[in-house]
N, C-alpha and C. Protein backbone atom coordinates (compact mmCIF):
# COMPACT_ATOMS: atom_id res chain seq x y z
N MET A 1 147.79 111.33 105.87
CA MET A 1 146.40 110.95 105.96
C MET A 1 145.88 110.70 104.55
N LYS A 2 145.05 109.64 104.44
CA LYS A 2 144.41 109.36 103.16
C LYS A 2 143.01 108.83 103.42
N LYS A 3 142.15 109.11 102.50
CA LYS A 3 140.78 108.62 102.58
C LYS A 3 140.78 107.11 102.39
N LEU A 4 139.97 106.41 103.18
CA LEU A 4 139.88 104.96 103.08
C LEU A 4 138.98 104.55 101.91
N SER A 5 139.36 103.49 101.26
CA SER A 5 138.53 102.94 100.18
C SER A 5 137.40 102.11 100.80
N MET A 6 136.43 101.74 99.98
CA MET A 6 135.32 100.91 100.47
C MET A 6 135.86 99.58 101.02
N ASP A 7 136.86 98.99 100.36
CA ASP A 7 137.44 97.73 100.85
C ASP A 7 138.14 97.92 102.18
N GLU A 8 138.83 99.04 102.35
CA GLU A 8 139.54 99.30 103.60
C GLU A 8 138.60 99.56 104.77
N LEU A 9 137.36 99.99 104.48
CA LEU A 9 136.38 100.22 105.55
C LEU A 9 135.90 98.89 106.15
N ASN A 10 136.02 97.81 105.37
CA ASN A 10 135.71 96.46 105.86
C ASN A 10 134.32 96.37 106.50
N ARG A 11 133.32 96.87 105.81
CA ARG A 11 131.93 96.84 106.30
C ARG A 11 131.37 95.42 106.24
N MET A 12 130.51 95.11 107.19
CA MET A 12 129.89 93.78 107.20
C MET A 12 128.81 93.68 106.13
N SER A 13 128.49 92.46 105.78
CA SER A 13 127.43 92.22 104.80
C SER A 13 126.07 92.40 105.46
N VAL A 14 125.03 92.52 104.65
CA VAL A 14 123.66 92.63 105.18
C VAL A 14 123.33 91.38 106.00
N GLU A 15 123.74 90.21 105.52
CA GLU A 15 123.46 88.96 106.23
C GLU A 15 124.13 88.96 107.60
N THR A 16 125.38 89.39 107.67
CA THR A 16 126.09 89.46 108.95
C THR A 16 125.44 90.49 109.86
N PHE A 17 125.06 91.65 109.29
CA PHE A 17 124.41 92.70 110.07
C PHE A 17 123.14 92.16 110.73
N LYS A 18 122.35 91.42 109.98
CA LYS A 18 121.08 90.91 110.51
C LYS A 18 121.30 89.94 111.67
N LYS A 19 122.43 89.26 111.70
CA LYS A 19 122.74 88.30 112.77
C LYS A 19 123.44 88.95 113.97
N THR A 20 123.92 90.17 113.80
CA THR A 20 124.67 90.87 114.84
C THR A 20 123.75 91.33 115.97
N LYS A 21 124.25 91.25 117.20
CA LYS A 21 123.50 91.77 118.35
C LYS A 21 123.28 93.27 118.14
N LYS A 22 122.05 93.70 118.33
CA LYS A 22 121.68 95.09 118.08
C LYS A 22 121.69 95.92 119.36
N THR A 23 121.80 97.22 119.17
CA THR A 23 121.63 98.17 120.26
C THR A 23 120.16 98.13 120.67
N SER A 24 119.89 98.06 121.96
CA SER A 24 118.50 97.90 122.45
C SER A 24 117.71 99.20 122.34
N ILE A 25 117.59 99.66 121.10
CA ILE A 25 116.84 100.89 120.80
C ILE A 25 115.90 100.61 119.63
N ILE A 26 114.66 101.03 119.80
CA ILE A 26 113.68 101.00 118.72
C ILE A 26 113.37 102.45 118.38
N ILE A 27 113.34 102.75 117.10
CA ILE A 27 112.97 104.08 116.62
C ILE A 27 111.51 104.04 116.18
N VAL A 28 110.76 105.06 116.58
CA VAL A 28 109.39 105.22 116.09
C VAL A 28 109.33 106.56 115.35
N LEU A 29 108.90 106.51 114.10
CA LEU A 29 108.67 107.73 113.33
C LEU A 29 107.17 107.97 113.32
N ASP A 30 106.74 109.02 114.02
CA ASP A 30 105.32 109.34 114.23
C ASP A 30 104.88 110.37 113.18
N ASN A 31 104.35 109.89 112.07
CA ASN A 31 103.86 110.76 111.00
C ASN A 31 104.93 111.66 110.38
N VAL A 32 106.10 111.10 110.12
CA VAL A 32 107.17 111.83 109.44
C VAL A 32 106.83 111.83 107.95
N ARG A 33 106.67 113.00 107.38
CA ARG A 33 106.15 113.08 106.01
C ARG A 33 107.23 113.03 104.93
N SER A 34 108.44 113.48 105.21
CA SER A 34 109.48 113.53 104.19
C SER A 34 110.12 112.16 104.00
N LEU A 35 110.06 111.67 102.78
CA LEU A 35 110.66 110.39 102.47
C LEU A 35 112.18 110.43 102.60
N HIS A 36 112.78 111.59 102.38
CA HIS A 36 114.23 111.75 102.56
C HIS A 36 114.58 111.61 104.05
N ASN A 37 113.75 112.17 104.91
CA ASN A 37 113.99 112.01 106.35
C ASN A 37 113.86 110.55 106.76
N VAL A 38 112.88 109.86 106.22
CA VAL A 38 112.71 108.43 106.53
C VAL A 38 113.95 107.66 106.10
N GLY A 39 114.43 107.91 104.89
CA GLY A 39 115.63 107.25 104.40
C GLY A 39 116.84 107.55 105.25
N SER A 40 116.95 108.78 105.71
CA SER A 40 118.06 109.17 106.58
C SER A 40 118.01 108.41 107.90
N PHE A 41 116.82 108.20 108.45
CA PHE A 41 116.70 107.41 109.68
C PHE A 41 117.15 105.97 109.46
N PHE A 42 116.82 105.39 108.31
CA PHE A 42 117.27 104.03 108.03
C PHE A 42 118.80 103.96 108.00
N ARG A 43 119.41 104.93 107.36
CA ARG A 43 120.87 104.93 107.24
C ARG A 43 121.52 105.11 108.61
N THR A 44 120.97 105.99 109.43
CA THR A 44 121.49 106.21 110.78
C THR A 44 121.27 104.98 111.65
N ALA A 45 120.10 104.34 111.51
CA ALA A 45 119.80 103.13 112.27
C ALA A 45 120.78 102.01 111.92
N ASP A 46 121.14 101.91 110.66
CA ASP A 46 122.14 100.93 110.24
C ASP A 46 123.49 101.24 110.89
N ALA A 47 123.89 102.50 110.85
CA ALA A 47 125.20 102.89 111.38
C ALA A 47 125.34 102.56 112.87
N PHE A 48 124.26 102.68 113.63
CA PHE A 48 124.32 102.45 115.07
C PHE A 48 123.69 101.12 115.47
N GLN A 49 123.47 100.22 114.51
CA GLN A 49 122.93 98.88 114.76
C GLN A 49 121.67 98.91 115.63
N ILE A 50 120.72 99.73 115.22
CA ILE A 50 119.46 99.88 115.94
C ILE A 50 118.60 98.65 115.70
N GLU A 51 117.87 98.25 116.72
CA GLU A 51 117.05 97.04 116.70
C GLU A 51 115.96 97.04 115.62
N LYS A 52 115.20 98.15 115.54
CA LYS A 52 114.05 98.17 114.64
C LYS A 52 113.54 99.60 114.47
N ILE A 53 112.85 99.84 113.36
CA ILE A 53 112.16 101.11 113.13
C ILE A 53 110.68 100.80 112.91
N TYR A 54 109.82 101.55 113.61
CA TYR A 54 108.38 101.52 113.35
C TYR A 54 108.04 102.77 112.56
N LEU A 55 107.38 102.60 111.43
CA LEU A 55 106.95 103.69 110.57
C LEU A 55 105.44 103.83 110.77
N CYS A 56 105.03 104.94 111.40
CA CYS A 56 103.63 105.08 111.83
C CYS A 56 102.88 106.16 111.05
N GLY A 57 101.58 105.91 110.89
CA GLY A 57 100.70 106.89 110.26
C GLY A 57 101.09 107.15 108.82
N ILE A 58 101.29 108.43 108.49
CA ILE A 58 101.59 108.82 107.11
C ILE A 58 103.05 108.59 106.72
N THR A 59 103.86 108.12 107.65
CA THR A 59 105.27 107.88 107.34
C THR A 59 105.38 106.89 106.19
N GLY A 60 106.16 107.25 105.18
CA GLY A 60 106.34 106.39 104.02
C GLY A 60 107.10 105.12 104.36
N THR A 61 106.91 104.10 103.53
CA THR A 61 107.56 102.82 103.76
C THR A 61 108.31 102.36 102.51
N PRO A 62 109.35 101.55 102.71
CA PRO A 62 110.00 100.93 101.56
C PRO A 62 109.07 99.89 100.94
N PRO A 63 109.28 99.51 99.72
CA PRO A 63 110.24 100.09 98.79
C PRO A 63 109.73 101.42 98.24
N ASN A 64 110.60 102.37 98.19
CA ASN A 64 110.25 103.69 97.68
C ASN A 64 111.53 104.35 97.18
N ARG A 65 111.49 104.87 95.98
CA ARG A 65 112.67 105.48 95.35
C ARG A 65 113.26 106.61 96.17
N GLU A 66 112.40 107.47 96.73
CA GLU A 66 112.88 108.62 97.51
C GLU A 66 113.52 108.17 98.83
N ILE A 67 112.95 107.16 99.47
CA ILE A 67 113.56 106.62 100.70
C ILE A 67 114.91 106.00 100.35
N HIS A 68 114.93 105.21 99.29
CA HIS A 68 116.16 104.53 98.88
C HIS A 68 117.29 105.53 98.58
N LYS A 69 116.92 106.69 98.04
CA LYS A 69 117.91 107.70 97.66
C LYS A 69 118.79 108.11 98.85
N THR A 70 118.20 108.22 100.04
CA THR A 70 119.00 108.59 101.22
C THR A 70 119.38 107.40 102.08
N ALA A 71 118.61 106.32 102.03
CA ALA A 71 118.91 105.13 102.84
C ALA A 71 120.10 104.36 102.28
N LEU A 72 120.34 104.46 100.99
CA LEU A 72 121.46 103.78 100.33
C LEU A 72 121.54 102.29 100.68
N GLY A 73 120.39 101.62 100.68
CA GLY A 73 120.37 100.18 100.93
C GLY A 73 120.09 99.78 102.37
N ALA A 74 120.03 100.73 103.28
CA ALA A 74 119.80 100.39 104.70
C ALA A 74 118.40 99.84 104.95
N THR A 75 117.49 100.02 104.01
CA THR A 75 116.16 99.42 104.17
C THR A 75 116.24 97.90 104.08
N GLU A 76 117.34 97.38 103.55
CA GLU A 76 117.54 95.93 103.46
C GLU A 76 118.17 95.37 104.73
N SER A 77 118.90 96.19 105.47
CA SER A 77 119.59 95.69 106.67
C SER A 77 118.81 95.94 107.96
N VAL A 78 118.09 97.04 108.03
CA VAL A 78 117.40 97.41 109.27
C VAL A 78 115.99 96.84 109.27
N GLU A 79 115.64 96.18 110.37
CA GLU A 79 114.28 95.64 110.50
C GLU A 79 113.30 96.79 110.67
N TRP A 80 112.16 96.69 110.01
CA TRP A 80 111.15 97.75 110.11
C TRP A 80 109.75 97.16 110.00
N GLU A 81 108.80 97.97 110.47
CA GLU A 81 107.39 97.57 110.41
C GLU A 81 106.55 98.83 110.31
N HIS A 82 105.45 98.75 109.55
CA HIS A 82 104.51 99.86 109.50
C HIS A 82 103.40 99.61 110.50
N ALA A 83 102.96 100.67 111.17
CA ALA A 83 101.82 100.59 112.10
C ALA A 83 100.95 101.81 111.85
N PRO A 84 99.63 101.63 111.83
CA PRO A 84 98.74 102.77 111.58
C PRO A 84 98.90 103.88 112.61
N LEU A 85 99.05 103.49 113.88
CA LEU A 85 99.20 104.47 114.97
C LEU A 85 100.22 103.97 115.98
N ALA A 86 101.08 104.86 116.43
CA ALA A 86 102.07 104.49 117.45
C ALA A 86 101.40 104.09 118.76
N VAL A 87 100.29 104.74 119.10
CA VAL A 87 99.62 104.43 120.37
C VAL A 87 99.14 102.99 120.43
N GLY A 88 99.02 102.33 119.28
CA GLY A 88 98.54 100.95 119.25
C GLY A 88 99.54 99.93 119.77
N PHE A 89 100.84 100.17 119.62
CA PHE A 89 101.83 99.17 120.03
C PHE A 89 102.75 99.63 121.16
N LEU A 90 102.76 100.91 121.49
CA LEU A 90 103.65 101.39 122.57
C LEU A 90 103.39 100.72 123.91
N PRO A 91 102.12 100.51 124.32
CA PRO A 91 101.90 99.82 125.60
C PRO A 91 102.53 98.42 125.64
N LYS A 92 102.51 97.72 124.51
CA LYS A 92 103.12 96.39 124.47
C LYS A 92 104.64 96.48 124.65
N LEU A 93 105.26 97.45 123.99
CA LEU A 93 106.71 97.63 124.15
C LEU A 93 107.05 97.99 125.60
N LYS A 94 106.23 98.84 126.20
CA LYS A 94 106.44 99.23 127.60
C LYS A 94 106.33 98.00 128.50
N ALA A 95 105.33 97.14 128.24
CA ALA A 95 105.15 95.92 129.03
C ALA A 95 106.32 94.96 128.85
N ASN A 96 107.04 95.08 127.72
CA ASN A 96 108.21 94.25 127.46
C ASN A 96 109.51 94.89 127.96
N GLY A 97 109.39 95.93 128.79
CA GLY A 97 110.55 96.50 129.46
C GLY A 97 111.23 97.67 128.77
N TYR A 98 110.62 98.20 127.72
CA TYR A 98 111.20 99.36 127.03
C TYR A 98 110.79 100.64 127.74
N GLN A 99 111.72 101.57 127.85
CA GLN A 99 111.41 102.92 128.31
C GLN A 99 110.98 103.72 127.09
N ILE A 100 109.84 104.38 127.17
CA ILE A 100 109.27 105.12 126.04
C ILE A 100 109.69 106.59 126.16
N LEU A 101 110.42 107.07 125.18
CA LEU A 101 110.97 108.43 125.23
C LEU A 101 110.58 109.21 123.99
N SER A 102 109.81 110.27 124.18
CA SER A 102 109.49 111.18 123.07
C SER A 102 110.60 112.21 122.95
N ILE A 103 111.07 112.42 121.75
CA ILE A 103 112.07 113.45 121.52
C ILE A 103 111.26 114.69 121.13
N GLU A 104 111.01 115.52 122.14
CA GLU A 104 110.07 116.62 121.98
C GLU A 104 110.29 117.67 123.06
N GLN A 105 109.92 118.89 122.74
CA GLN A 105 109.96 119.99 123.71
C GLN A 105 108.63 120.02 124.44
N THR A 106 108.67 119.72 125.74
CA THR A 106 107.47 119.76 126.57
C THR A 106 107.78 120.54 127.83
N ASP A 107 106.75 120.74 128.67
CA ASP A 107 106.97 121.46 129.92
C ASP A 107 107.82 120.65 130.91
N LYS A 108 108.04 119.35 130.62
CA LYS A 108 108.84 118.51 131.52
C LYS A 108 109.99 117.82 130.78
N SER A 109 110.40 118.37 129.65
CA SER A 109 111.51 117.78 128.90
C SER A 109 112.78 117.78 129.73
N ILE A 110 113.59 116.76 129.48
CA ILE A 110 114.92 116.65 130.08
C ILE A 110 115.92 116.92 128.96
N ALA A 111 116.91 117.75 129.24
CA ALA A 111 117.95 118.00 128.24
C ALA A 111 118.69 116.69 127.96
N LEU A 112 119.00 116.45 126.70
CA LEU A 112 119.65 115.21 126.29
C LEU A 112 120.87 114.89 127.14
N GLN A 113 121.72 115.88 127.40
CA GLN A 113 122.94 115.62 128.16
C GLN A 113 122.66 115.31 129.63
N ASP A 114 121.46 115.64 130.13
CA ASP A 114 121.12 115.38 131.52
C ASP A 114 120.33 114.08 131.71
N PHE A 115 119.90 113.47 130.61
CA PHE A 115 119.12 112.24 130.71
C PHE A 115 120.05 111.08 131.05
N SER A 116 119.68 110.30 132.05
CA SER A 116 120.50 109.18 132.50
C SER A 116 120.24 107.96 131.60
N ILE A 117 121.25 107.58 130.86
CA ILE A 117 121.16 106.43 129.96
C ILE A 117 121.87 105.26 130.62
N ASN A 118 121.12 104.17 130.80
CA ASN A 118 121.66 102.96 131.41
C ASN A 118 121.83 101.92 130.32
N LYS A 119 123.03 101.40 130.14
CA LYS A 119 123.28 100.44 129.06
C LYS A 119 122.53 99.13 129.22
N GLU A 120 121.96 98.90 130.40
CA GLU A 120 121.16 97.69 130.61
C GLU A 120 119.70 97.88 130.19
N ASN A 121 119.26 99.13 130.01
CA ASN A 121 117.87 99.41 129.66
C ASN A 121 117.63 99.25 128.17
N LYS A 122 116.34 99.12 127.83
CA LYS A 122 115.90 99.10 126.43
C LYS A 122 115.07 100.36 126.22
N TYR A 123 115.27 101.00 125.06
CA TYR A 123 114.64 102.30 124.81
C TYR A 123 113.85 102.31 123.51
N VAL A 124 112.75 103.07 123.55
CA VAL A 124 112.01 103.43 122.35
C VAL A 124 112.16 104.94 122.21
N LEU A 125 112.72 105.38 121.08
CA LEU A 125 112.91 106.81 120.82
C LEU A 125 111.92 107.23 119.74
N ILE A 126 111.04 108.17 120.09
CA ILE A 126 109.97 108.58 119.19
C ILE A 126 110.28 109.96 118.61
N PHE A 127 110.26 110.03 117.29
CA PHE A 127 110.51 111.27 116.56
C PHE A 127 109.23 111.62 115.80
N GLY A 128 108.87 112.91 115.82
CA GLY A 128 107.59 113.32 115.28
C GLY A 128 107.63 114.02 113.95
N ASN A 129 106.45 114.39 113.52
CA ASN A 129 106.21 115.11 112.28
C ASN A 129 107.05 116.39 112.21
N GLU A 130 107.50 116.72 111.01
CA GLU A 130 108.39 117.87 110.80
C GLU A 130 107.78 119.19 111.24
N VAL A 131 106.47 119.33 111.22
CA VAL A 131 105.82 120.58 111.62
C VAL A 131 105.20 120.47 113.01
N TYR A 132 104.52 119.37 113.27
CA TYR A 132 103.72 119.25 114.50
C TYR A 132 104.41 118.46 115.62
N GLY A 133 105.52 117.81 115.33
CA GLY A 133 106.23 117.06 116.35
C GLY A 133 105.54 115.75 116.70
N VAL A 134 105.86 115.25 117.88
CA VAL A 134 105.27 114.00 118.39
C VAL A 134 103.85 114.32 118.84
N SER A 135 102.91 113.45 118.50
CA SER A 135 101.50 113.70 118.85
C SER A 135 101.29 113.68 120.36
N GLU A 136 100.30 114.44 120.81
CA GLU A 136 99.95 114.51 122.24
C GLU A 136 99.63 113.13 122.79
N GLU A 137 98.93 112.31 122.02
CA GLU A 137 98.55 110.96 122.48
C GLU A 137 99.80 110.13 122.77
N VAL A 138 100.80 110.26 121.93
CA VAL A 138 102.04 109.51 122.11
C VAL A 138 102.83 110.08 123.29
N ILE A 139 102.86 111.40 123.43
CA ILE A 139 103.56 112.01 124.56
C ILE A 139 102.97 111.52 125.88
N LYS A 140 101.66 111.38 125.94
CA LYS A 140 101.00 110.90 127.16
C LYS A 140 101.41 109.47 127.53
N LEU A 141 101.79 108.67 126.54
CA LEU A 141 102.24 107.30 126.80
C LEU A 141 103.73 107.22 127.12
N SER A 142 104.43 108.33 127.01
CA SER A 142 105.88 108.34 127.18
C SER A 142 106.28 108.41 128.65
N ASP A 143 107.40 107.77 128.95
CA ASP A 143 107.96 107.85 130.30
C ASP A 143 108.64 109.20 130.51
N HIS A 144 109.27 109.71 129.45
CA HIS A 144 109.97 111.00 129.51
C HIS A 144 109.95 111.65 128.13
N ALA A 145 110.19 112.95 128.13
CA ALA A 145 110.46 113.68 126.90
C ALA A 145 111.88 114.21 127.00
N ILE A 146 112.60 114.09 125.90
CA ILE A 146 113.99 114.54 125.85
C ILE A 146 114.09 115.61 124.77
N GLU A 147 114.86 116.65 125.06
CA GLU A 147 115.09 117.66 124.03
C GLU A 147 116.57 118.00 123.94
N ILE A 148 116.95 118.46 122.77
CA ILE A 148 118.32 118.90 122.52
C ILE A 148 118.36 120.40 122.76
N PRO A 149 119.20 120.87 123.69
CA PRO A 149 119.30 122.32 123.90
C PRO A 149 119.73 123.03 122.61
N GLN A 150 119.13 124.17 122.36
CA GLN A 150 119.45 124.95 121.17
C GLN A 150 119.62 126.41 121.57
N PHE A 151 120.50 127.11 120.87
CA PHE A 151 120.87 128.44 121.31
C PHE A 151 120.71 129.52 120.25
N GLY A 152 120.15 129.17 119.11
CA GLY A 152 119.96 130.15 118.04
C GLY A 152 118.56 130.72 118.03
N THR A 153 118.14 131.21 116.89
CA THR A 153 116.82 131.84 116.76
C THR A 153 115.73 130.84 116.41
N LYS A 154 116.09 129.65 115.94
CA LYS A 154 115.10 128.63 115.58
C LYS A 154 114.81 127.76 116.79
N HIS A 155 113.64 127.14 116.80
CA HIS A 155 113.27 126.32 117.95
C HIS A 155 113.34 124.83 117.69
N SER A 156 113.85 124.43 116.51
CA SER A 156 113.94 123.00 116.25
C SER A 156 114.97 122.70 115.18
N PHE A 157 115.44 121.43 115.20
CA PHE A 157 116.29 120.90 114.15
C PHE A 157 115.42 120.15 113.15
N ASN A 158 115.96 119.86 111.99
CA ASN A 158 115.31 118.92 111.09
C ASN A 158 115.22 117.59 111.83
N VAL A 159 114.14 116.83 111.61
CA VAL A 159 113.91 115.60 112.36
C VAL A 159 115.02 114.58 112.15
N SER A 160 115.57 114.48 110.95
CA SER A 160 116.64 113.50 110.75
C SER A 160 117.95 113.95 111.40
N VAL A 161 118.18 115.25 111.48
CA VAL A 161 119.34 115.77 112.21
C VAL A 161 119.17 115.46 113.70
N THR A 162 117.97 115.70 114.21
CA THR A 162 117.67 115.37 115.60
C THR A 162 117.94 113.89 115.85
N GLY A 163 117.48 113.05 114.92
CA GLY A 163 117.71 111.61 115.06
C GLY A 163 119.19 111.28 115.14
N GLY A 164 119.99 111.87 114.28
CA GLY A 164 121.43 111.61 114.31
C GLY A 164 122.07 112.02 115.62
N ILE A 165 121.70 113.18 116.12
CA ILE A 165 122.27 113.67 117.39
C ILE A 165 121.87 112.76 118.54
N VAL A 166 120.58 112.47 118.66
CA VAL A 166 120.08 111.67 119.78
C VAL A 166 120.61 110.24 119.71
N LEU A 167 120.57 109.63 118.53
CA LEU A 167 121.04 108.26 118.40
C LEU A 167 122.53 108.14 118.67
N TRP A 168 123.31 109.11 118.22
CA TRP A 168 124.75 109.08 118.53
C TRP A 168 124.96 109.16 120.04
N GLU A 169 124.25 110.05 120.71
CA GLU A 169 124.44 110.21 122.15
C GLU A 169 124.07 108.92 122.90
N PHE A 170 122.97 108.30 122.52
CA PHE A 170 122.59 107.03 123.16
C PHE A 170 123.62 105.95 122.85
N PHE A 171 124.01 105.80 121.58
CA PHE A 171 124.98 104.79 121.19
C PHE A 171 126.31 105.00 121.92
N ARG A 172 126.76 106.24 121.95
CA ARG A 172 128.03 106.58 122.60
C ARG A 172 128.01 106.17 124.08
N ARG A 173 126.94 106.50 124.77
CA ARG A 173 126.88 106.21 126.21
C ARG A 173 126.62 104.72 126.50
N ILE A 174 126.03 104.02 125.57
CA ILE A 174 125.78 102.58 125.76
C ILE A 174 127.03 101.75 125.42
N HIS A 175 127.72 102.11 124.34
CA HIS A 175 128.79 101.25 123.82
C HIS A 175 130.22 101.76 124.02
N LEU A 176 130.40 103.04 124.20
CA LEU A 176 131.79 103.54 124.25
C LEU A 176 132.23 103.94 125.63
């Protein structure tokens, strides 16, 4: 076994990435305050060929040195848009056939492994503020809430870790 070099990984160019068919998933970051978390979402979105990221409220936007530090250039490949409030555009996405899913612990959350993912559907995955989670207004517009079961003493993961887990599970069930 040997580690692969950058050339052996044979990664596509940004131009090729932009032309590639994307996974029918839109990420919404609802007031995510850490610029490192934002950058991590960009990098994960690039890895799973996510359609777009909406950066809402206080969520930082590129160009930004701290975002770039963790995104490692993914802000150039992944389509993104800033919106003052997620509630402003979610109804339009829903009308365009997207299922709106808050990644949040609610009284009606569905465990990630129990949520039925259909590869023909289009999804909006909403991730919330590191302390307060997804806003109540956004949860009310959601079709479902999904949570990752946890078995330790803490009640939550870091938001970018949550993003990696959820996005991998959706990507895996859609493409593999």
